[in-house]
């Protein structure tokens, strides 16, 4: 009787550990992106942000506000 309890404990312990870790909140989800795709996406976002900043500038004013000719 005791060897069956020991065997059951040995088998149930790892099964519970695996089940507990499979249902954990943190999961690694591979998205299939490679480094160059990540760098391209980051660069495109930076370029878009740059042009948003440039579009927000008021470039119609003269360089020297004292010269109003």
PDB file of N, CA and C in Angstrom:
ATOM      1  N   UNK A   1       0.816  -1.197   0.000  1.00  0.00           N
ATOM      2  CA  UNK A   1       0.000   0.000   0.000  1.00  0.00           C
ATOM      3  C   UNK A   1       0.858   1.260   0.000  1.00  0.00           C
ATOM      4  N   UNK A   2       1.904   1.295   0.795  1.00  0.00           N
ATOM      5  CA  UNK A   2       2.748   2.481   0.887  1.00  0.00           C
ATOM      6  C   UNK A   2       3.504   2.739  -0.418  1.00  0.00           C
ATOM      7  N   UNK A   3       4.009   1.710  -1.136  1.00  0.00           N
ATOM      8  CA  UNK A   3       4.669   2.014  -2.415  1.00  0.00           C
ATOM      9  C   UNK A   3       3.734   2.683  -3.421  1.00  0.00           C
ATOM     10  N   UNK A   4       2.454   2.371  -3.401  1.00  0.00           N
ATOM     11  CA  UNK A   4       1.517   3.017  -4.318  1.00  0.00           C
ATOM     12  C   UNK A   4       1.321   4.487  -3.947  1.00  0.00           C
ATOM     13  N   UNK A   5       1.312   4.784  -2.680  1.00  0.00           N
ATOM     14  CA  UNK A   5       1.184   6.175  -2.258  1.00  0.00           C
ATOM     15  C   UNK A   5       2.417   6.979  -2.659  1.00  0.00           C
ATOM     16  N   UNK A   6       3.573   6.388  -2.511  1.00  0.00           N
ATOM     17  CA  UNK A   6       4.813   7.063  -2.900  1.00  0.00           C
ATOM     18  C   UNK A   6       4.841   7.285  -4.397  1.00  0.00           C
ATOM     19  N   UNK A   7       4.458   6.241  -5.167  1.00  0.00           N
ATOM     20  CA  UNK A   7       4.435   6.367  -6.626  1.00  0.00           C
ATOM     21  C   UNK A   7       3.417   7.419  -7.062  1.00  0.00           C
ATOM     22  N   UNK A   8       2.273   7.440  -6.426  1.00  0.00           N
ATOM     23  CA  UNK A   8       1.247   8.437  -6.753  1.00  0.00           C
ATOM     24  C   UNK A   8       1.757   9.849  -6.449  1.00  0.00           C
ATOM     25  N   UNK A   9       2.408  10.023  -5.323  1.00  0.00           N
ATOM     26  CA  UNK A   9       2.943  11.335  -4.967  1.00  0.00           C
ATOM     27  C   UNK A   9       4.026  11.767  -5.950  1.00  0.00           C
ATOM     28  N   UNK A  10       4.833  10.812  -6.373  1.00  0.00           N
ATOM     29  CA  UNK A  10       5.904  11.137  -7.327  1.00  0.00           C
ATOM     30  C   UNK A  10       5.325  11.554  -8.668  1.00  0.00           C
ATOM     31  N   UNK A  11       4.228  10.936  -9.089  1.00  0.00           N
ATOM     32  CA  UNK A  11       3.631  11.272 -10.383  1.00  0.00           C
ATOM     33  C   UNK A  11       2.721  12.502 -10.320  1.00  0.00           C
ATOM     34  N   UNK A  12       2.029  12.691  -9.210  1.00  0.00           N
ATOM     35  CA  UNK A  12       1.110  13.821  -9.091  1.00  0.00           C
ATOM     36  C   UNK A  12       1.877  15.134  -8.886  1.00  0.00           C
ATOM     37  N   UNK A  13       2.986  15.099  -8.213  1.00  0.00           N
ATOM     38  CA  UNK A  13       3.768  16.318  -7.970  1.00  0.00           C
ATOM     39  C   UNK A  13       4.192  17.018  -9.258  1.00  0.00           C
ATOM     40  N   UNK A  14       4.901  16.327 -10.157  1.00  0.00           N
ATOM     41  CA  UNK A  14       5.290  16.988 -11.411  1.00  0.00           C
ATOM     42  C   UNK A  14       4.093  17.360 -12.287  1.00  0.00           C
ATOM     43  N   UNK A  15       3.057  16.547 -12.277  1.00  0.00           N
ATOM     44  CA  UNK A  15       1.869  16.879 -13.078  1.00  0.00           C
ATOM     45  C   UNK A  15       1.245  18.181 -12.566  1.00  0.00           C
ATOM     46  N   UNK A  16       1.159  18.338 -11.258  1.00  0.00           N
ATOM     47  CA  UNK A  16       0.633  19.584 -10.698  1.00  0.00           C
ATOM     48  C   UNK A  16       1.525  20.771 -10.991  1.00  0.00           C
ATOM     49  N   UNK A  17       2.832  20.553 -10.960  1.00  0.00           N
ATOM     50  CA  UNK A  17       3.773  21.632 -11.271  1.00  0.00           C
ATOM     51  C   UNK A  17       3.600  22.093 -12.718  1.00  0.00           C
ATOM     52  N   UNK A  18       3.499  21.128 -13.635  1.00  0.00           N
ATOM     53  CA  UNK A  18       3.327  21.469 -15.057  1.00  0.00           C
ATOM     54  C   UNK A  18       2.001  22.183 -15.268  1.00  0.00           C
ATOM     55  N   UNK A  19       0.934  21.665 -14.689  1.00  0.00           N
ATOM     56  CA  UNK A  19      -0.375  22.295 -14.839  1.00  0.00           C
ATOM     57  C   UNK A  19      -0.371  23.705 -14.241  1.00  0.00           C
ATOM     58  N   UNK A  20       0.247  23.884 -13.114  1.00  0.00           N
ATOM     59  CA  UNK A  20       0.305  25.205 -12.501  1.00  0.00           C
ATOM     60  C   UNK A  20       1.092  26.197 -13.324  1.00  0.00           C
ATOM     61  N   UNK A  21       2.163  25.761 -13.940  1.00  0.00           N
ATOM     62  CA  UNK A  21       2.959  26.682 -14.744  1.00  0.00           C
ATOM     63  C   UNK A  21       2.344  26.926 -16.113  1.00  0.00           C
ATOM     64  N   UNK A  22       1.564  26.002 -16.612  1.00  0.00           N
ATOM     65  CA  UNK A  22       0.900  26.233 -17.898  1.00  0.00           C
ATOM     66  C   UNK A  22      -0.232  27.236 -17.761  1.00  0.00           C
ATOM     67  N   UNK A  23      -0.801  27.356 -16.581  1.00  0.00           N
ATOM     68  CA  UNK A  23      -1.899  28.294 -16.375  1.00  0.00           C
ATOM     69  C   UNK A  23      -1.431  29.584 -15.718  1.00  0.00           C
ATOM     70  N   UNK A  24      -0.139  29.816 -15.660  1.00  0.00           N
ATOM     71  CA  UNK A  24       0.392  31.044 -15.064  1.00  0.00           C
ATOM     72  C   UNK A  24       0.012  32.239 -15.931  1.00  0.00           C
ATOM     73  N   UNK A  25       0.072  33.416 -15.349  1.00  0.00           N
ATOM     74  CA  UNK A  25      -0.325  34.617 -16.086  1.00  0.00           C
ATOM     75  C   UNK A  25       0.696  35.034 -17.132  1.00  0.00           C
ATOM     76  N   UNK A  26       1.957  34.774 -16.878  1.00  0.00           N
ATOM     77  CA  UNK A  26       3.002  35.177 -17.811  1.00  0.00           C
ATOM     78  C   UNK A  26       3.188  34.062 -18.830  1.00  0.00           C
ATOM     79  N   UNK A  27       3.041  34.416 -20.081  1.00  0.00           N
ATOM     80  CA  UNK A  27       3.229  33.444 -21.150  1.00  0.00           C
ATOM     81  C   UNK A  27       4.110  34.058 -22.221  1.00  0.00           C
ATOM     82  N   UNK A  28       4.964  33.270 -22.777  1.00  0.00           N
ATOM     83  CA  UNK A  28       5.795  33.711 -23.887  1.00  0.00           C
ATOM     84  C   UNK A  28       5.050  33.354 -25.159  1.00  0.00           C
ATOM     85  N   UNK A  29       4.696  34.382 -25.917  1.00  0.00           N
ATOM     86  CA  UNK A  29       3.948  34.167 -27.151  1.00  0.00           C
ATOM     87  C   UNK A  29       4.851  34.576 -28.311  1.00  0.00           C
ATOM     88  N   UNK A  30       5.336  33.610 -29.074  1.00  0.00           N
ATOM     89  CA  UNK A  30       6.177  33.969 -30.211  1.00  0.00           C
ATOM     90  C   UNK A  30       5.325  34.616 -31.301  1.00  0.00           C
ATOM     91  N   UNK A  31       5.755  35.782 -31.772  1.00  0.00           N
ATOM     92  CA  UNK A  31       4.975  36.482 -32.790  1.00  0.00           C
ATOM     93  C   UNK A  31       5.560  36.296 -34.181  1.00  0.00           C
ATOM     94  N   UNK A  32       6.703  35.680 -34.273  1.00  0.00           N
ATOM     95  CA  UNK A  32       7.271  35.386 -35.577  1.00  0.00           C
ATOM     96  C   UNK A  32       8.080  36.518 -36.180  1.00  0.00           C
ATOM     97  N   UNK A  33       8.279  37.589 -35.465  1.00  0.00           N
ATOM     98  CA  UNK A  33       9.042  38.702 -35.994  1.00  0.00           C
ATOM     99  C   UNK A  33      10.534  38.441 -35.809  1.00  0.00           C
ATOM    100  N   UNK A  34      11.295  38.930 -36.745  1.00  0.00           N
ATOM    101  CA  UNK A  34      12.744  38.826 -36.637  1.00  0.00           C
ATOM    102  C   UNK A  34      13.313  40.214 -36.360  1.00  0.00           C
ATOM    103  N   UNK A  35      14.584  40.271 -36.058  1.00  0.00           N
ATOM    104  CA  UNK A  35      15.206  41.529 -35.641  1.00  0.00           C
ATOM    105  C   UNK A  35      15.053  42.618 -36.700  1.00  0.00           C
ATOM    106  N   UNK A  36      15.265  42.295 -37.947  1.00  0.00           N
ATOM    107  CA  UNK A  36      15.174  43.331 -38.994  1.00  0.00           C
ATOM    108  C   UNK A  36      13.754  43.864 -39.125  1.00  0.00           C
ATOM    109  N   UNK A  37      12.747  43.000 -38.936  1.00  0.00           N
ATOM    110  CA  UNK A  37      11.366  43.479 -38.992  1.00  0.00           C
ATOM    111  C   UNK A  37      11.077  44.410 -37.825  1.00  0.00           C
ATOM    112  N   UNK A  38      11.598  44.079 -36.650  1.00  0.00           N
ATOM    113  CA  UNK A  38      11.420  44.949 -35.490  1.00  0.00           C
ATOM    114  C   UNK A  38      12.094  46.299 -35.715  1.00  0.00           C
ATOM    115  N   UNK A  39      13.311  46.277 -36.235  1.00  0.00           N
ATOM    116  CA  UNK A  39      14.033  47.523 -36.475  1.00  0.00           C
ATOM    117  C   UNK A  39      13.323  48.361 -37.531  1.00  0.00           C
ATOM    118  N   UNK A  40      12.779  47.721 -38.562  1.00  0.00           N
ATOM    119  CA  UNK A  40      12.048  48.449 -39.600  1.00  0.00           C
ATOM    120  C   UNK A  40      10.806  49.102 -39.018  1.00  0.00           C
ATOM    121  N   UNK A  41      10.090  48.391 -38.173  1.00  0.00           N
ATOM    122  CA  UNK A  41       8.884  48.949 -37.560  1.00  0.00           C
ATOM    123  C   UNK A  41       9.227  50.125 -36.652  1.00  0.00           C
ATOM    124  N   UNK A  42      10.299  50.007 -35.886  1.00  0.00           N
ATOM    125  CA  UNK A  42      10.711  51.102 -34.999  1.00  0.00           C
ATOM    126  C   UNK A  42      11.145  52.306 -35.815  1.00  0.00           C
ATOM    127  N   UNK A  43      11.893  52.085 -36.884  1.00  0.00           N
ATOM    128  CA  UNK A  43      12.347  53.196 -37.727  1.00  0.00           C
ATOM    129  C   UNK A  43      11.161  53.892 -38.386  1.00  0.00           C
ATOM    130  N   UNK A  44      10.190  53.124 -38.862  1.00  0.00           N
ATOM    131  CA  UNK A  44       9.011  53.724 -39.488  1.00  0.00           C
ATOM    132  C   UNK A  44       8.235  54.560 -38.485  1.00  0.00           C
ATOM    133  N   UNK A  45       8.148  54.100 -37.246  1.00  0.00           N
ATOM    134  CA  UNK A  45       7.454  54.866 -36.215  1.00  0.00           C
ATOM    135  C   UNK A  45       8.198  56.154 -35.907  1.00  0.00           C
ATOM    136  N   UNK A  46       9.536  56.100 -35.870  1.00  0.00           N
ATOM    137  CA  UNK A  46      10.319  57.302 -35.601  1.00  0.00           C
ATOM    138  C   UNK A  46      10.192  58.311 -36.736  1.00  0.00           C
ATOM    139  N   UNK A  47      10.190  57.840 -37.981  1.00  0.00           N
ATOM    140  CA  UNK A  47      10.029  58.744 -39.129  1.00  0.00           C
ATOM    141  C   UNK A  47       8.660  59.392 -39.088  1.00  0.00           C
ATOM    142  N   UNK A  48       7.626  58.625 -38.769  1.00  0.00           N
ATOM    143  CA  UNK A  48       6.277  59.179 -38.676  1.00  0.00           C
ATOM    144  C   UNK A  48       6.192  60.231 -37.571  1.00  0.00           C
ATOM    145  N   UNK A  49       6.814  59.941 -36.449  1.00  0.00           N
ATOM    146  CA  UNK A  49       6.818  60.905 -35.348  1.00  0.00           C
ATOM    147  C   UNK A  49       7.575  62.173 -35.737  1.00  0.00           C
ATOM    148  N   UNK A  50       8.690  62.027 -36.455  1.00  0.00           N
ATOM    149  CA  UNK A  50       9.454  63.192 -36.921  1.00  0.00           C
ATOM    150  C   UNK A  50       8.581  64.090 -37.796  1.00  0.00           C
ATOM    151  N   UNK A  51       7.848  63.494 -38.750  1.00  0.00           N
ATOM    152  CA  UNK A  51       7.039  64.300 -39.652  1.00  0.00           C
ATOM    153  C   UNK A  51       5.848  64.922 -38.933  1.00  0.00           C
ATOM    154  N   UNK A  52       5.360  64.287 -37.888  1.00  0.00           N
ATOM    155  CA  UNK A  52       4.301  64.914 -37.091  1.00  0.00           C
ATOM    156  C   UNK A  52       4.833  66.157 -36.389  1.00  0.00           C
ATOM    157  N   UNK A  53       6.058  66.085 -35.882  1.00  0.00           N
ATOM    158  CA  UNK A  53       6.669  67.246 -35.228  1.00  0.00           C
ATOM    159  C   UNK A  53       6.916  68.354 -36.235  1.00  0.00           C
ATOM    160  N   UNK A  54       7.438  68.008 -37.414  1.00  0.00           N
ATOM    161  CA  UNK A  54       7.719  69.007 -38.451  1.00  0.00           C
ATOM    162  C   UNK A  54       6.421  69.656 -38.911  1.00  0.00           C
ATOM    163  N   UNK A  55       5.356  68.870 -39.081  1.00  0.00           N
ATOM    164  CA  UNK A  55       4.076  69.445 -39.501  1.00  0.00           C
ATOM    165  C   UNK A  55       3.507  70.388 -38.446  1.00  0.00           C
ATOM    166  N   UNK A  56       3.865  70.182 -37.192  1.00  0.00           N
ATOM    167  CA  UNK A  56       3.376  71.047 -36.125  1.00  0.00           C
ATOM    168  C   UNK A  56       4.125  72.363 -36.009  1.00  0.00           C
ATOM    169  N   UNK A  57       5.257  72.485 -36.686  1.00  0.00           N
ATOM    170  CA  UNK A  57       6.032  73.727 -36.617  1.00  0.00           C
ATOM    171  C   UNK A  57       5.390  74.806 -37.473  1.00  0.00           C
ATOM    172  N   UNK A  58       5.502  76.031 -37.027  1.00  0.00           N
ATOM    173  CA  UNK A  58       4.999  77.169 -37.802  1.00  0.00           C
ATOM    174  C   UNK A  58       6.170  77.725 -38.603  1.00  0.00           C
ATOM    175  N   UNK A  59       6.288  77.323 -39.835  1.00  0.00           N
ATOM    176  CA  UNK A  59       7.442  77.694 -40.656  1.00  0.00           C
ATOM    177  C   UNK A  59       7.176  78.913 -41.530  1.00  0.00           C
ATOM    178  N   UNK A  60       6.000  79.530 -41.403  1.00  0.00           N
ATOM    179  CA  UNK A  60       5.673  80.680 -42.248  1.00  0.00           C
ATOM    180  C   UNK A  60       6.189  81.991 -41.673  1.00  0.00           C
ATOM    181  N   UNK A  61       6.677  82.010 -40.465  1.00  0.00           N
ATOM    182  CA  UNK A  61       7.177  83.236 -39.868  1.00  0.00           C
ATOM    183  C   UNK A  61       8.592  83.509 -40.374  1.00  0.00           C
ATOM    184  N   UNK A  62       8.943  84.787 -40.495  1.00  0.00           N
ATOM    185  CA  UNK A  62      10.311  85.122 -40.919  1.00  0.00           C
ATOM    186  C   UNK A  62      11.319  84.729 -39.847  1.00  0.00           C
ATOM    187  N   UNK A  63      12.569  84.607 -40.263  1.00  0.00           N
ATOM    188  CA  UNK A  63      13.612  84.221 -39.309  1.00  0.00           C
ATOM    189  C   UNK A  63      13.832  85.293 -38.252  1.00  0.00           C
ATOM    190  N   UNK A  64      13.803  86.551 -38.661  1.00  0.00           N
ATOM    191  CA  UNK A  64      14.025  87.638 -37.714  1.00  0.00           C
ATOM    192  C   UNK A  64      12.705  88.400 -37.563  1.00  0.00           C
ATOM    193  N   UNK A  65      12.065  88.348 -36.404  1.00  0.00           N
ATOM    194  CA  UNK A  65      10.772  89.006 -36.261  1.00  0.00           C
ATOM    195  C   UNK A  65      10.846  90.535 -36.381  1.00  0.00           C
ATOM    196  N   UNK A  66      12.026  91.125 -36.262  1.00  0.00           N
ATOM    197  CA  UNK A  66      12.139  92.568 -36.382  1.00  0.00           C
ATOM    198  C   UNK A  66      12.086  93.027 -37.830  1.00  0.00           C
ATOM    199  N   UNK A  67      12.348  92.144 -38.767  1.00  0.00           N
ATOM    200  CA  UNK A  67      12.318  92.538 -40.194  1.00  0.00           C
ATOM    201  C   UNK A  67      10.925  92.221 -40.729  1.00  0.00           C
ATOM    202  N   UNK A  68      10.107  93.258 -40.817  1.00  0.00           N
ATOM    203  CA  UNK A  68       8.737  93.081 -41.310  1.00  0.00           C
ATOM    204  C   UNK A  68       8.564  93.825 -42.626  1.00  0.00           C
ATOM    205  N   UNK A  69       9.331  93.465 -43.617  1.00  0.00           N
ATOM    206  CA  UNK A  69       9.240  94.165 -44.896  1.00  0.00           C
ATOM    207  C   UNK A  69       8.382  93.431 -45.872  1.00  0.00           C
TER     208      UNK A  69
END
